[in-house]
């Protein structure tokens, strides 16, 4: 499961990593949630493009999106078989830029403890994603996407039983190129991340509220009974979040 994530790297850093043609400018986000607009990277005519879509996939055959459950994640083990995902897995694979993600650890009868997970290197990550284009009877159109998940690696196993599929840069084309790479071949990337890639540490339950979107969410939280974890590497100083025009609703752009 991946229900919240962050995107805090500077736009030029993300453009250099993903190699898309556009030059988007956007603020740092510290608590991206389902149904919000998110950026994806997809291949069109052999070139990578940056596109905004809604997080929560709606298959093209759905009649009423308002009556359809939001599909935030897809289990990688069945993504080639489930009717909601198999067409997108064949023809509409994408990458979802991120700097880290949150997972919640069950702790007996008490509240779940949120953890923040990021690359030890501090570099951005690329989640494996699927996208769809829904069109309504009156010409309405909506592009949506979800994150493909897999079993946890050793870092995530004590925290949660699922994790996002993380695509390494050298495999970007293998996942994106649906014209030349079939879904069976691309599915080799659906596997836990290497055990030395990520670090995880507890953070405040303030992340539970989607309206909270600020750098303090990434600070190490030290409750008296928190599980022992290694102290994270010193975080990069986040970019200041623009406040002009902010309506407090937690939109991505």
Protein backbone atom coordinates (compact mmCIF):
# COMPACT_ATOMS: atom_id res chain seq x y z
CA UNK A 1 0.00 0.00 0.00
CA UNK A 2 1.16 3.51 -0.75
CA UNK A 3 -1.42 6.10 0.25
CA UNK A 4 0.74 9.21 0.70
CA UNK A 5 4.00 10.38 -0.75
CA UNK A 6 6.22 13.44 -1.22
CA UNK A 7 7.69 15.36 -4.13
CA UNK A 8 10.22 17.88 -2.86
CA UNK A 9 13.09 17.93 -5.38
CA UNK A 10 13.56 21.01 -7.51
CA UNK A 11 11.86 20.87 -10.94
CA UNK A 12 15.19 20.95 -12.77
CA UNK A 13 16.47 17.97 -10.75
CA UNK A 14 13.42 15.91 -11.69
CA UNK A 15 13.63 16.95 -15.35
CA UNK A 16 17.29 15.90 -15.50
CA UNK A 17 16.47 12.49 -14.00
CA UNK A 18 13.35 11.67 -16.02
CA UNK A 19 14.34 13.35 -19.27
CA UNK A 20 10.97 14.80 -20.27
CA UNK A 21 10.67 17.67 -22.74
CA UNK A 22 8.49 20.02 -20.68
CA UNK A 23 9.83 22.63 -18.24
CA UNK A 24 7.21 22.54 -15.46
CA UNK A 25 7.58 24.64 -12.33
CA UNK A 26 5.87 23.45 -9.17
CA UNK A 27 6.12 23.78 -5.38
CA UNK A 28 7.48 21.15 -3.01
CA UNK A 29 4.77 18.82 -1.66
CA UNK A 30 5.08 16.92 1.62
CA UNK A 31 1.77 15.06 1.84
CA UNK A 32 0.35 14.10 -1.55
CA UNK A 33 -2.93 12.21 -1.16
CA UNK A 34 -5.34 10.25 -3.37
CA UNK A 35 -7.67 12.22 -5.70
CA UNK A 36 -5.16 15.08 -5.89
CA UNK A 37 -3.42 15.92 -9.18
CA UNK A 38 -0.03 14.26 -9.54
CA UNK A 39 2.69 14.36 -12.20
CA UNK A 40 3.47 11.29 -14.25
CA UNK A 41 6.03 10.65 -16.96
CA UNK A 42 4.93 8.67 -20.01
CA UNK A 43 6.24 7.90 -23.47
CA UNK A 44 4.55 9.49 -26.51
CA UNK A 45 5.99 8.91 -29.99
CA UNK A 46 9.23 7.74 -28.43
CA UNK A 47 9.69 10.82 -26.21
CA UNK A 48 9.12 11.25 -22.50
CA UNK A 49 6.50 13.76 -21.39
CA UNK A 50 5.46 15.28 -18.06
CA UNK A 51 1.67 15.23 -17.55
CA UNK A 52 -0.68 16.03 -14.68
CA UNK A 53 -3.35 13.44 -13.88
CA UNK A 54 -5.59 12.56 -10.93
CA UNK A 55 -4.29 10.02 -8.43
CA UNK A 56 -6.91 7.28 -8.43
CA UNK A 57 -7.29 5.22 -11.60
CA UNK A 58 -10.64 5.08 -13.39
CA UNK A 59 -10.75 2.38 -16.11
CA UNK A 60 -12.13 3.46 -19.47
CA UNK A 61 -15.11 1.10 -19.18
CA UNK A 62 -16.47 2.70 -15.99
CA UNK A 63 -19.83 4.38 -16.59
CA UNK A 64 -19.91 6.67 -13.54
CA UNK A 65 -16.57 7.63 -11.93
CA UNK A 66 -18.42 9.06 -8.91
CA UNK A 67 -19.81 5.61 -8.15
CA UNK A 68 -16.48 3.83 -8.68
CA UNK A 69 -14.04 3.13 -5.83
CA UNK A 70 -10.77 5.03 -6.09
CA UNK A 71 -7.97 2.69 -7.24
CA UNK A 72 -4.87 4.19 -5.65
CA UNK A 73 -2.68 1.07 -5.89
CA UNK A 74 -2.57 -2.12 -7.93
CA UNK A 75 -1.02 -5.35 -6.65
CA UNK A 76 1.80 -6.20 -9.02
CA UNK A 77 1.17 -9.93 -8.71
CA UNK A 78 -2.20 -9.63 -10.45
CA UNK A 79 -1.83 -6.46 -12.51
CA UNK A 80 -1.72 -8.41 -15.80
CA UNK A 81 -4.92 -10.30 -14.99
CA UNK A 82 -7.37 -7.95 -13.27
CA UNK A 83 -9.84 -6.30 -15.69
CA UNK A 84 -9.25 -2.87 -14.11
CA UNK A 85 -5.50 -2.97 -14.82
CA UNK A 86 -4.58 -5.38 -17.61
CA UNK A 87 -5.17 -3.00 -20.52
CA UNK A 88 -3.19 -0.22 -18.85
CA UNK A 89 -0.40 -2.68 -18.03
CA UNK A 90 -0.14 -3.49 -21.73
CA UNK A 91 -0.52 -0.03 -23.23
CA UNK A 92 -0.36 2.73 -20.59
CA UNK A 93 2.56 2.31 -18.20
CA UNK A 94 4.08 5.40 -16.61
CA UNK A 95 6.54 6.57 -13.99
CA UNK A 96 5.50 8.59 -10.94
CA UNK A 97 8.25 10.91 -9.61
CA UNK A 98 8.61 10.99 -5.81
CA UNK A 99 11.11 11.80 -3.11
CA UNK A 100 9.69 9.41 -0.53
CA UNK A 101 6.50 7.86 0.79
CA UNK A 102 4.70 7.14 4.03
CA UNK A 103 3.68 3.78 5.45
CA UNK A 104 1.81 3.03 8.68
CA UNK A 105 2.92 0.34 11.13
CA UNK A 106 0.24 -1.43 13.16
CA UNK A 107 1.10 -1.44 16.88
CA UNK A 108 -1.30 -3.69 18.75
CA UNK A 109 -4.48 -1.96 19.85
CA UNK A 110 -2.96 1.51 19.69
CA UNK A 111 -2.89 3.94 16.76
CA UNK A 112 -0.68 3.12 13.79
CA UNK A 113 2.76 4.72 13.68
CA UNK A 114 3.55 6.52 10.40
CA UNK A 115 7.01 6.09 8.91
CA UNK A 116 8.70 8.09 6.18
CA UNK A 117 10.64 6.08 3.61
CA UNK A 118 13.19 7.59 1.24
CA UNK A 119 16.35 6.75 -0.68
CA UNK A 120 19.48 6.69 1.49
CA UNK A 121 21.18 8.75 -1.19
CA UNK A 122 18.57 11.51 -0.94
CA UNK A 123 17.87 11.20 -4.66
CA UNK A 124 14.34 11.12 -6.14
CA UNK A 125 12.56 7.84 -6.81
CA UNK A 126 10.41 6.60 -9.68
CA UNK A 127 7.32 4.56 -8.80
CA UNK A 128 5.94 2.18 -11.42
CA UNK A 129 2.54 3.49 -12.43
CA UNK A 130 -0.38 2.87 -14.77
CA UNK A 131 -2.57 5.55 -16.33
CA UNK A 132 -5.97 5.64 -18.01
CA UNK A 133 -8.03 8.09 -20.05
CA UNK A 134 -11.73 8.03 -19.14
CA UNK A 135 -14.24 9.65 -21.49
CA UNK A 136 -17.85 10.31 -20.55
CA UNK A 137 -20.98 10.21 -22.72
CA UNK A 138 -21.07 14.00 -22.99
CA UNK A 139 -17.45 14.43 -23.99
CA UNK A 140 -16.03 14.62 -20.47
CA UNK A 141 -12.43 13.49 -20.23
CA UNK A 142 -10.28 12.61 -17.23
CA UNK A 143 -6.79 11.14 -17.04
CA UNK A 144 -5.97 9.15 -13.92
CA UNK A 145 -3.15 6.99 -12.57
CA UNK A 146 -2.17 4.61 -9.77
CA UNK A 147 0.96 3.14 -8.18
CA UNK A 148 1.90 -0.52 -8.68
CA UNK A 149 2.90 -2.25 -5.42
CA UNK A 150 4.81 -5.38 -4.48
CA UNK A 151 6.04 -7.32 -1.44
CA UNK A 152 8.22 -5.37 1.01
CA UNK A 153 12.00 -5.51 1.15
CA UNK A 154 13.88 -5.90 4.44
CA UNK A 155 13.56 -2.19 5.23
CA UNK A 156 9.76 -2.16 4.85
CA UNK A 157 8.94 -5.63 6.15
CA UNK A 158 8.79 -4.60 9.85
CA UNK A 159 6.51 -1.69 8.93
CA UNK A 160 4.09 -2.85 6.23
CA UNK A 161 3.38 -5.84 4.00
CA UNK A 162 3.45 -3.85 0.74
CA UNK A 163 5.66 -1.23 -0.91
CA UNK A 164 5.64 0.71 -4.20
CA UNK A 165 7.49 -0.82 -7.13
CA UNK A 166 10.55 1.41 -7.59
CA UNK A 167 11.98 1.53 -11.10
CA UNK A 168 15.74 2.24 -11.35
CA UNK A 169 16.82 4.85 -13.94
CA UNK A 170 18.45 2.26 -16.16
CA UNK A 171 15.08 0.49 -16.48
CA UNK A 172 12.91 3.55 -17.23
CA UNK A 173 12.57 2.66 -20.91
CA UNK A 174 11.79 -0.98 -20.13
CA UNK A 175 8.75 0.13 -18.14
CA UNK A 176 7.67 3.04 -20.33
CA UNK A 177 8.04 1.62 -23.84
CA UNK A 178 4.75 -0.20 -24.34
CA UNK A 179 5.27 -0.22 -28.12
CA UNK A 180 8.31 -2.48 -27.96
CA UNK A 181 8.14 -4.05 -24.49
CA UNK A 182 5.16 -6.27 -23.72
CA UNK A 183 3.52 -6.48 -20.32
CA UNK A 184 5.09 -9.85 -19.49
CA UNK A 185 8.60 -8.54 -20.09
CA UNK A 186 7.92 -5.30 -18.18
CA UNK A 187 6.61 -7.29 -15.22
CA UNK A 188 10.15 -8.42 -14.36
CA UNK A 189 10.47 -4.98 -12.72
CA UNK A 190 7.64 -5.77 -10.29
CA UNK A 191 9.83 -6.73 -7.36
CA UNK A 192 10.90 -5.31 -3.99
CA UNK A 193 13.55 -2.61 -4.08
CA UNK A 194 17.08 -3.65 -3.15
CA UNK A 195 17.58 -3.84 0.60
CA UNK A 196 20.29 -1.16 0.59
CA UNK A 197 18.27 1.46 -1.34
CA UNK A 198 15.93 2.87 1.32
CA UNK A 199 15.83 4.11 4.89
CA UNK A 200 12.74 4.49 7.10
CA UNK A 201 12.08 6.40 10.30
CA UNK A 202 9.00 7.31 12.38
CA UNK A 203 7.28 10.64 11.85
CA UNK A 204 4.44 12.49 13.52
CA UNK A 205 0.81 11.44 13.12
CA UNK A 206 0.27 14.95 11.74
CA UNK A 207 0.73 13.34 8.33
CA UNK A 208 -2.63 11.60 8.83
CA UNK A 209 -4.39 14.88 8.05
CA UNK A 210 -4.19 15.74 4.37
CA UNK A 211 -4.40 19.47 5.07
CA UNK A 212 -0.99 19.25 6.74
CA UNK A 213 1.60 19.79 4.03
CA UNK A 214 4.87 21.20 5.33
CA UNK A 215 8.53 20.20 5.94
CA UNK A 216 7.88 19.38 9.61
CA UNK A 217 6.10 16.20 8.52
CA UNK A 218 9.52 14.76 7.61
CA UNK A 219 11.10 15.35 11.01
CA UNK A 220 12.16 12.31 13.04
CA UNK A 221 9.53 11.56 15.69
CA UNK A 222 10.70 10.10 19.01
CA UNK A 223 7.80 8.81 21.11
CA UNK A 224 8.86 7.12 24.34
CA UNK A 225 7.79 3.71 23.07
CA UNK A 226 8.80 4.05 19.41
CA UNK A 227 10.61 1.07 17.85
CA UNK A 228 14.36 1.49 17.59
CA UNK A 229 15.48 2.75 14.18
CA UNK A 230 18.69 4.15 12.85
CA UNK A 231 18.83 7.93 12.75
CA UNK A 232 18.24 9.16 9.18
CA UNK A 233 20.83 11.01 7.21
CA UNK A 234 20.60 14.76 7.41
CA UNK A 235 17.77 15.87 5.14
CA UNK A 236 18.33 18.26 2.31
CA UNK A 237 16.92 21.70 3.01
CA UNK A 238 13.51 21.72 1.31
CA UNK A 239 12.53 24.45 -1.03
CA UNK A 240 10.23 27.06 0.43
CA UNK A 241 6.62 26.40 -0.43
CA UNK A 242 4.87 29.32 -2.14
CA UNK A 243 1.96 30.63 -0.15
CA UNK A 244 0.38 32.96 -2.68
CA UNK A 245 -2.93 31.55 -3.81
CA UNK A 246 -2.81 28.63 -1.36
CA UNK A 247 -6.37 27.73 -0.42
CA UNK A 248 -5.35 25.20 2.22
CA UNK A 249 -6.84 22.28 0.28
CA UNK A 250 -3.55 20.53 -0.36
CA UNK A 251 -3.53 20.70 -4.17
CA UNK A 252 -0.34 19.65 -5.91
CA UNK A 253 -0.07 22.67 -8.22
